[in-house]
Amino acid sequence: QVQVAESGGGLVQAGGSLRLSCVASGSIKTIKVMNWYRQAPGKQRELVADITTDGSSNVADSVKGRFTISRDNAKNTVYLEMNRLKPEDTAVYYCSATVRLGYDHWGRGTQVTVSS
């Protein structure tokens, strides 16, 4: 089993920055991809960024140029650096660990609120 836990959310003014962290534990060698999703009220959950075990990453067009995903394998941690935040970035941000196609382990989420 894999467990993931997010931290780093909070309230920030538009234009500000936050860094989210996601720590994985358990059977971490089974993890293929680490992902950051977000879900705003009344909206579907969307993939924000993902990163593979070899460091290849993707970032959604909606946040490209503002958000960066990275990982520290020694700490079993994935980060989401969020800059120039906008009110529309307000959401619960979730980390997930993909162990095989269609099978993810999810964290409980961390709230990010961007005030205008």
C-alpha atoms as a PDB file:
ATOM      1  CA  GLN A   1       0.000   0.000   0.000  1.00  0.00           C
ATOM      2  CA  VAL A   2       0.970   3.583  -0.606  1.00  0.00           C
ATOM      3  CA  GLN A   3       0.017   6.565   1.492  1.00  0.00           C
ATOM      4  CA  VAL A   4       0.324  10.186   0.405  1.00  0.00           C
ATOM      5  CA  ALA A   5      -0.150  13.319   2.453  1.00  0.00           C
ATOM      6  CA  GLU A   6      -0.359  16.893   1.223  1.00  0.00           C
ATOM      7  CA  SER A   7       0.594  20.061   3.037  1.00  0.00           C
ATOM      8  CA  GLY A   8       1.281  23.690   2.310  1.00  0.00           C
ATOM      9  CA  GLY A   9      -2.117  25.062   1.398  1.00  0.00           C
ATOM     10  CA  GLY A  10      -3.454  28.310   2.766  1.00  0.00           C
ATOM     11  CA  LEU A  11      -4.814  31.750   2.031  1.00  0.00           C
ATOM     12  CA  VAL A  12      -2.815  34.012  -0.256  1.00  0.00           C
ATOM     13  CA  GLN A  13      -3.467  37.221  -2.149  1.00  0.00           C
ATOM     14  CA  ALA A  14      -3.636  37.260  -5.916  1.00  0.00           C
ATOM     15  CA  GLY A  15      -0.152  37.447  -7.364  1.00  0.00           C
ATOM     16  CA  GLY A  16       1.336  35.575  -4.440  1.00  0.00           C
ATOM     17  CA  SER A  17       3.008  32.183  -4.205  1.00  0.00           C
ATOM     18  CA  LEU A  18       2.595  28.920  -2.362  1.00  0.00           C
ATOM     19  CA  ARG A  19       4.472  25.664  -2.359  1.00  0.00           C
ATOM     20  CA  LEU A  20       2.568  22.448  -1.810  1.00  0.00           C
ATOM     21  CA  SER A  21       4.288  19.292  -0.637  1.00  0.00           C
ATOM     22  CA  CYS A  22       3.233  15.686  -0.978  1.00  0.00           C
ATOM     23  CA  VAL A  23       5.015  13.006   0.999  1.00  0.00           C
ATOM     24  CA  ALA A  24       4.664   9.385  -0.077  1.00  0.00           C
ATOM     25  CA  SER A  25       5.150   6.437   2.239  1.00  0.00           C
ATOM     26  CA  GLY A  26       4.624   2.691   2.215  1.00  0.00           C
ATOM     27  CA  SER A  27       5.324   0.738  -0.977  1.00  0.00           C
ATOM     28  CA  ILE A  28       6.875   3.714  -2.735  1.00  0.00           C
ATOM     29  CA  LYS A  29       8.793   1.555  -5.187  1.00  0.00           C
ATOM     30  CA  THR A  30       5.465   0.655  -6.801  1.00  0.00           C
ATOM     31  CA  ILE A  31       4.741   4.287  -7.681  1.00  0.00           C
ATOM     32  CA  LYS A  32       4.952   5.090 -11.384  1.00  0.00           C
ATOM     33  CA  VAL A  33       3.716   8.689 -11.453  1.00  0.00           C
ATOM     34  CA  MET A  34       2.952  11.343  -8.870  1.00  0.00           C
ATOM     35  CA  ASN A  35       0.152  13.756  -9.678  1.00  0.00           C
ATOM     36  CA  TRP A  36      -1.351  16.994  -8.473  1.00  0.00           C
ATOM     37  CA  TYR A  37      -5.053  17.507  -9.081  1.00  0.00           C
ATOM     38  CA  ARG A  38      -7.382  20.259  -8.001  1.00  0.00           C
ATOM     39  CA  GLN A  39     -11.097  20.597  -7.575  1.00  0.00           C
ATOM     40  CA  ALA A  40     -12.887  23.898  -7.274  1.00  0.00           C
ATOM     41  CA  PRO A  41     -16.433  24.126  -5.891  1.00  0.00           C
ATOM     42  CA  GLY A  42     -18.949  22.968  -8.467  1.00  0.00           C
ATOM     43  CA  LYS A  43     -16.271  21.870 -10.897  1.00  0.00           C
ATOM     44  CA  GLN A  44     -14.747  18.579 -11.897  1.00  0.00           C
ATOM     45  CA  ARG A  45     -11.395  17.501 -10.584  1.00  0.00           C
ATOM     46  CA  GLU A  46      -8.659  18.439 -13.030  1.00  0.00           C
ATOM     47  CA  LEU A  47      -5.081  17.287 -13.445  1.00  0.00           C
ATOM     48  CA  VAL A  48      -2.692  20.143 -12.747  1.00  0.00           C
ATOM     49  CA  ALA A  49       0.697  18.453 -13.112  1.00  0.00           C
ATOM     50  CA  ASP A  50       2.384  15.077 -13.011  1.00  0.00           C
ATOM     51  CA  ILE A  51       5.896  13.750 -12.729  1.00  0.00           C
ATOM     52  CA  THR A  52       7.330  10.288 -13.359  1.00  0.00           C
ATOM     53  CA  THR A  53       9.973   8.431 -11.404  1.00  0.00           C
ATOM     54  CA  ASP A  54      12.642   9.562 -13.874  1.00  0.00           C
ATOM     55  CA  GLY A  55      11.623  13.194 -13.544  1.00  0.00           C
ATOM     56  CA  SER A  56       9.649  13.692 -16.738  1.00  0.00           C
ATOM     57  CA  SER A  57       6.840  16.118 -16.039  1.00  0.00           C
ATOM     58  CA  ASN A  58       3.768  17.728 -17.524  1.00  0.00           C
ATOM     59  CA  VAL A  59       1.858  20.815 -16.485  1.00  0.00           C
ATOM     60  CA  ALA A  60      -1.670  21.754 -17.523  1.00  0.00           C
ATOM     61  CA  ASP A  61      -1.994  24.580 -20.014  1.00  0.00           C
ATOM     62  CA  SER A  62      -4.099  26.537 -17.537  1.00  0.00           C
ATOM     63  CA  VAL A  63      -1.154  26.866 -15.158  1.00  0.00           C
ATOM     64  CA  LYS A  64       1.803  26.574 -17.498  1.00  0.00           C
ATOM     65  CA  GLY A  65       4.402  29.233 -16.831  1.00  0.00           C
ATOM     66  CA  ARG A  66       3.102  29.756 -13.286  1.00  0.00           C
ATOM     67  CA  PHE A  67       3.209  26.299 -11.660  1.00  0.00           C
ATOM     68  CA  THR A  68       6.163  23.947 -11.479  1.00  0.00           C
ATOM     69  CA  ILE A  69       6.228  20.336 -10.310  1.00  0.00           C
ATOM     70  CA  SER A  70       9.378  18.787  -8.912  1.00  0.00           C
ATOM     71  CA  ARG A  71      10.430  15.873  -6.745  1.00  0.00           C
ATOM     72  CA  ASP A  72      13.011  15.023  -4.124  1.00  0.00           C
ATOM     73  CA  ASN A  73      13.483  11.274  -4.240  1.00  0.00           C
ATOM     74  CA  ALA A  74      15.582  11.257  -1.087  1.00  0.00           C
ATOM     75  CA  LYS A  75      12.620  12.707   0.809  1.00  0.00           C
ATOM     76  CA  ASN A  76       9.923  10.805  -1.120  1.00  0.00           C
ATOM     77  CA  THR A  77       8.359  14.185  -1.697  1.00  0.00           C
ATOM     78  CA  VAL A  78       6.792  15.918  -4.670  1.00  0.00           C
ATOM     79  CA  TYR A  79       6.321  19.665  -4.736  1.00  0.00           C
ATOM     80  CA  LEU A  80       4.001  21.993  -6.575  1.00  0.00           C
ATOM     81  CA  GLU A  81       5.411  25.486  -6.733  1.00  0.00           C
ATOM     82  CA  MET A  82       2.627  27.930  -7.534  1.00  0.00           C
ATOM     83  CA  ASN A  83       3.458  31.489  -8.547  1.00  0.00           C
ATOM     84  CA  ARG A  84       1.397  34.468  -9.705  1.00  0.00           C
ATOM     85  CA  LEU A  85      -1.660  32.888  -8.186  1.00  0.00           C
ATOM     86  CA  LYS A  86      -5.088  33.940  -9.403  1.00  0.00           C
ATOM     87  CA  PRO A  87      -8.496  33.741  -7.692  1.00  0.00           C
ATOM     88  CA  GLU A  88      -9.452  31.022 -10.184  1.00  0.00           C
ATOM     89  CA  ASP A  89      -6.688  28.837  -8.732  1.00  0.00           C
ATOM     90  CA  THR A  90      -8.773  28.526  -5.573  1.00  0.00           C
ATOM     91  CA  ALA A  91      -9.475  24.835  -5.040  1.00  0.00           C
ATOM     92  CA  VAL A  92      -8.708  21.815  -2.957  1.00  0.00           C
ATOM     93  CA  TYR A  93      -5.440  20.410  -4.230  1.00  0.00           C
ATOM     94  CA  TYR A  94      -4.946  16.664  -4.112  1.00  0.00           C
ATOM     95  CA  CYS A  95      -1.871  14.548  -4.521  1.00  0.00           C
ATOM     96  CA  SER A  96      -2.108  11.069  -5.951  1.00  0.00           C
ATOM     97  CA  ALA A  97       0.326   8.248  -6.567  1.00  0.00           C
ATOM     98  CA  THR A  98      -0.268   6.116  -9.645  1.00  0.00           C
ATOM     99  CA  VAL A  99       0.838   2.533  -9.172  1.00  0.00           C
ATOM    100  CA  ARG A 100      -0.746   1.241 -12.376  1.00  0.00           C
ATOM    101  CA  LEU A 101      -3.069   2.596 -15.015  1.00  0.00           C
ATOM    102  CA  GLY A 102      -6.339   3.555 -13.407  1.00  0.00           C
ATOM    103  CA  TYR A 103      -5.207   2.853  -9.886  1.00  0.00           C
ATOM    104  CA  ASP A 104      -4.178   5.782  -7.715  1.00  0.00           C
ATOM    105  CA  HIS A 105      -3.662   6.312  -4.024  1.00  0.00           C
ATOM    106  CA  TRP A 106      -5.044   9.664  -2.926  1.00  0.00           C
ATOM    107  CA  GLY A 107      -4.316  12.140  -0.210  1.00  0.00           C
ATOM    108  CA  ARG A 108      -6.990  14.053   1.682  1.00  0.00           C
ATOM    109  CA  GLY A 109      -6.261  17.323  -0.060  1.00  0.00           C
ATOM    110  CA  THR A 110      -5.150  20.757   1.005  1.00  0.00           C
ATOM    111  CA  GLN A 111      -7.158  23.938   0.541  1.00  0.00           C
ATOM    112  CA  VAL A 112      -5.704  26.788  -1.484  1.00  0.00           C
ATOM    113  CA  THR A 113      -7.604  30.057  -1.409  1.00  0.00           C
ATOM    114  CA  VAL A 114      -6.538  33.034  -3.481  1.00  0.00           C
ATOM    115  CA  SER A 115      -8.145  36.346  -2.598  1.00  0.00           C
ATOM    116  CA  SER A 116      -8.572  39.116  -5.133  1.00  0.00           C
END
